[in-house]
Amino acid sequence: MATTNPLQFIQQVRSEVSKVVWPTRREVMLTTVMVFILAALTAVFFAIVDILIRGGLEIILTQFG
């Protein structure tokens, strides 16, 4: 592995960072809102599944217990 001196390394890093396409503020906000919405929907889905499974188990256990 070739070694690079620190000055050359910093120049390469700056060159690569200048190629990055940064998202706009609007894109970041929309993405953040979508993440929160999907997280809330996932939480609701698993809460409903949990309630259904718990109810089903209670019915089964009262029948045999």
N, C-alpha and C. Protein backbone atom coordinates (compact mmCIF):
# COMPACT_ATOMS: atom_id res chain seq x y z
N MET A 1 0.84 -1.18 0.00
CA MET A 1 0.00 0.00 0.00
C MET A 1 0.89 1.24 0.00
N ALA A 2 0.66 2.13 -0.94
CA ALA A 2 1.47 3.33 -1.06
C ALA A 2 1.08 4.34 0.02
N THR A 3 2.08 4.99 0.56
CA THR A 3 1.80 6.02 1.56
C THR A 3 1.65 7.37 0.86
N THR A 4 0.78 8.20 1.41
CA THR A 4 0.53 9.53 0.86
C THR A 4 0.87 10.54 1.94
N ASN A 5 1.53 11.61 1.54
CA ASN A 5 1.85 12.62 2.54
C ASN A 5 0.57 13.37 2.92
N PRO A 6 0.54 13.94 4.11
CA PRO A 6 -0.69 14.58 4.61
C PRO A 6 -1.25 15.68 3.70
N LEU A 7 -0.39 16.48 3.09
CA LEU A 7 -0.85 17.56 2.22
C LEU A 7 -1.57 17.00 0.99
N GLN A 8 -0.98 15.97 0.41
CA GLN A 8 -1.59 15.33 -0.75
C GLN A 8 -2.93 14.68 -0.37
N PHE A 9 -2.96 14.07 0.80
CA PHE A 9 -4.20 13.43 1.27
C PHE A 9 -5.32 14.47 1.42
N ILE A 10 -5.01 15.61 2.02
CA ILE A 10 -6.00 16.66 2.22
C ILE A 10 -6.49 17.19 0.86
N GLN A 11 -5.60 17.33 -0.10
CA GLN A 11 -6.00 17.79 -1.43
C GLN A 11 -6.93 16.78 -2.09
N GLN A 12 -6.65 15.49 -1.92
CA GLN A 12 -7.51 14.45 -2.50
C GLN A 12 -8.89 14.45 -1.83
N VAL A 13 -8.90 14.64 -0.52
CA VAL A 13 -10.17 14.68 0.20
C VAL A 13 -11.00 15.87 -0.27
N ARG A 14 -10.40 17.03 -0.38
CA ARG A 14 -11.13 18.22 -0.84
C ARG A 14 -11.65 18.02 -2.25
N SER A 15 -10.87 17.35 -3.10
CA SER A 15 -11.30 17.08 -4.46
C SER A 15 -12.52 16.17 -4.47
N GLU A 16 -12.51 15.14 -3.65
CA GLU A 16 -13.64 14.20 -3.59
C GLU A 16 -14.88 14.85 -2.98
N VAL A 17 -14.70 15.66 -1.95
CA VAL A 17 -15.84 16.33 -1.31
C VAL A 17 -16.49 17.32 -2.28
N SER A 18 -15.72 17.93 -3.15
CA SER A 18 -16.30 18.87 -4.10
C SER A 18 -17.17 18.16 -5.14
N LYS A 19 -17.00 16.84 -5.31
CA LYS A 19 -17.81 16.07 -6.25
C LYS A 19 -19.16 15.65 -5.66
N VAL A 20 -19.31 15.77 -4.35
CA VAL A 20 -20.53 15.35 -3.69
C VAL A 20 -21.68 16.29 -4.05
N VAL A 21 -22.83 15.70 -4.36
CA VAL A 21 -24.03 16.50 -4.63
C VAL A 21 -24.84 16.52 -3.33
N TRP A 22 -24.83 17.65 -2.65
CA TRP A 22 -25.50 17.77 -1.37
C TRP A 22 -26.99 17.99 -1.57
N PRO A 23 -27.84 17.38 -0.73
CA PRO A 23 -29.28 17.59 -0.88
C PRO A 23 -29.68 19.01 -0.47
N THR A 24 -30.78 19.46 -1.05
CA THR A 24 -31.28 20.78 -0.68
C THR A 24 -32.02 20.68 0.66
N ARG A 25 -32.30 21.82 1.24
CA ARG A 25 -33.02 21.85 2.52
C ARG A 25 -34.39 21.20 2.37
N ARG A 26 -35.06 21.45 1.24
CA ARG A 26 -36.38 20.88 0.99
C ARG A 26 -36.31 19.36 0.91
N GLU A 27 -35.30 18.83 0.22
CA GLU A 27 -35.14 17.37 0.11
C GLU A 27 -34.91 16.74 1.48
N VAL A 28 -34.10 17.39 2.29
CA VAL A 28 -33.84 16.87 3.64
C VAL A 28 -35.11 16.87 4.47
N MET A 29 -35.87 17.94 4.40
CA MET A 29 -37.12 18.03 5.17
C MET A 29 -38.13 16.96 4.71
N LEU A 30 -38.29 16.81 3.39
CA LEU A 30 -39.22 15.81 2.88
C LEU A 30 -38.81 14.40 3.29
N THR A 31 -37.54 14.11 3.20
CA THR A 31 -37.05 12.79 3.58
C THR A 31 -37.26 12.54 5.07
N THR A 32 -37.01 13.55 5.88
CA THR A 32 -37.20 13.42 7.32
C THR A 32 -38.66 13.17 7.66
N VAL A 33 -39.56 13.92 7.03
CA VAL A 33 -40.99 13.74 7.27
C VAL A 33 -41.42 12.34 6.85
N MET A 34 -40.94 11.88 5.71
CA MET A 34 -41.29 10.53 5.24
C MET A 34 -40.80 9.46 6.21
N VAL A 35 -39.62 9.63 6.76
CA VAL A 35 -39.10 8.66 7.73
C VAL A 35 -39.99 8.61 8.96
N PHE A 36 -40.40 9.77 9.46
CA PHE A 36 -41.27 9.81 10.63
C PHE A 36 -42.64 9.18 10.34
N ILE A 37 -43.19 9.46 9.16
CA ILE A 37 -44.48 8.88 8.79
C ILE A 37 -44.38 7.36 8.70
N LEU A 38 -43.36 6.87 8.02
CA LEU A 38 -43.20 5.42 7.88
C LEU A 38 -42.93 4.75 9.22
N ALA A 39 -42.19 5.41 10.09
CA ALA A 39 -41.94 4.85 11.42
C ALA A 39 -43.24 4.77 12.22
N ALA A 40 -44.08 5.80 12.11
CA ALA A 40 -45.37 5.79 12.81
C ALA A 40 -46.28 4.70 12.25
N LEU A 41 -46.34 4.55 10.93
CA LEU A 41 -47.16 3.50 10.32
C LEU A 41 -46.68 2.11 10.73
N THR A 42 -45.38 1.93 10.78
CA THR A 42 -44.82 0.64 11.21
C THR A 42 -45.18 0.36 12.67
N ALA A 43 -45.10 1.37 13.51
CA ALA A 43 -45.45 1.20 14.92
C ALA A 43 -46.92 0.82 15.08
N VAL A 44 -47.79 1.48 14.32
CA VAL A 44 -49.22 1.17 14.38
C VAL A 44 -49.48 -0.25 13.90
N PHE A 45 -48.84 -0.64 12.80
CA PHE A 45 -49.00 -1.99 12.27
C PHE A 45 -48.62 -3.04 13.31
N PHE A 46 -47.44 -2.89 13.92
CA PHE A 46 -47.00 -3.89 14.89
C PHE A 46 -47.83 -3.85 16.17
N ALA A 47 -48.37 -2.70 16.53
CA ALA A 47 -49.26 -2.62 17.69
C ALA A 47 -50.54 -3.41 17.42
N ILE A 48 -51.09 -3.26 16.22
CA ILE A 48 -52.30 -4.00 15.86
C ILE A 48 -52.03 -5.50 15.82
N VAL A 49 -50.92 -5.89 15.22
CA VAL A 49 -50.56 -7.32 15.18
C VAL A 49 -50.39 -7.86 16.59
N ASP A 50 -49.76 -7.10 17.47
CA ASP A 50 -49.56 -7.51 18.85
C ASP A 50 -50.91 -7.71 19.56
N ILE A 51 -51.82 -6.77 19.37
CA ILE A 51 -53.15 -6.87 20.00
C ILE A 51 -53.89 -8.10 19.49
N LEU A 52 -53.83 -8.35 18.19
CA LEU A 52 -54.50 -9.52 17.62
C LEU A 52 -53.91 -10.83 18.14
N ILE A 53 -52.60 -10.91 18.20
CA ILE A 53 -51.96 -12.13 18.71
C ILE A 53 -52.30 -12.33 20.18
N ARG A 54 -52.22 -11.25 20.97
CA ARG A 54 -52.54 -11.36 22.40
C ARG A 54 -54.00 -11.80 22.60
N GLY A 55 -54.92 -11.22 21.84
CA GLY A 55 -56.33 -11.60 21.94
C GLY A 55 -56.54 -13.05 21.55
N GLY A 56 -55.91 -13.48 20.48
CA GLY A 56 -56.03 -14.87 20.06
C GLY A 56 -55.49 -15.84 21.09
N LEU A 57 -54.35 -15.51 21.67
CA LEU A 57 -53.78 -16.38 22.71
C LEU A 57 -54.67 -16.42 23.95
N GLU A 58 -55.25 -15.29 24.32
CA GLU A 58 -56.15 -15.27 25.47
C GLU A 58 -57.36 -16.17 25.23
N ILE A 59 -57.92 -16.12 24.02
CA ILE A 59 -59.05 -16.98 23.69
C ILE A 59 -58.65 -18.45 23.76
N ILE A 60 -57.52 -18.79 23.19
CA ILE A 60 -57.04 -20.18 23.20
C ILE A 60 -56.78 -20.65 24.62
N LEU A 61 -56.12 -19.81 25.41
CA LEU A 61 -55.77 -20.23 26.77
C LEU A 61 -57.00 -20.33 27.67
N THR A 62 -58.02 -19.50 27.45
CA THR A 62 -59.23 -19.63 28.27
C THR A 62 -60.02 -20.88 27.89
N GLN A 63 -59.93 -21.31 26.65
CA GLN A 63 -60.61 -22.52 26.20
C GLN A 63 -59.99 -23.77 26.83
N PHE A 64 -58.66 -23.80 26.97
CA PHE A 64 -57.97 -24.98 27.47
C PHE A 64 -57.50 -24.85 28.90
N GLY A 65 -57.64 -23.70 29.51
CA GLY A 65 -57.12 -23.50 30.85
C GLY A 65 -58.18 -23.29 31.82
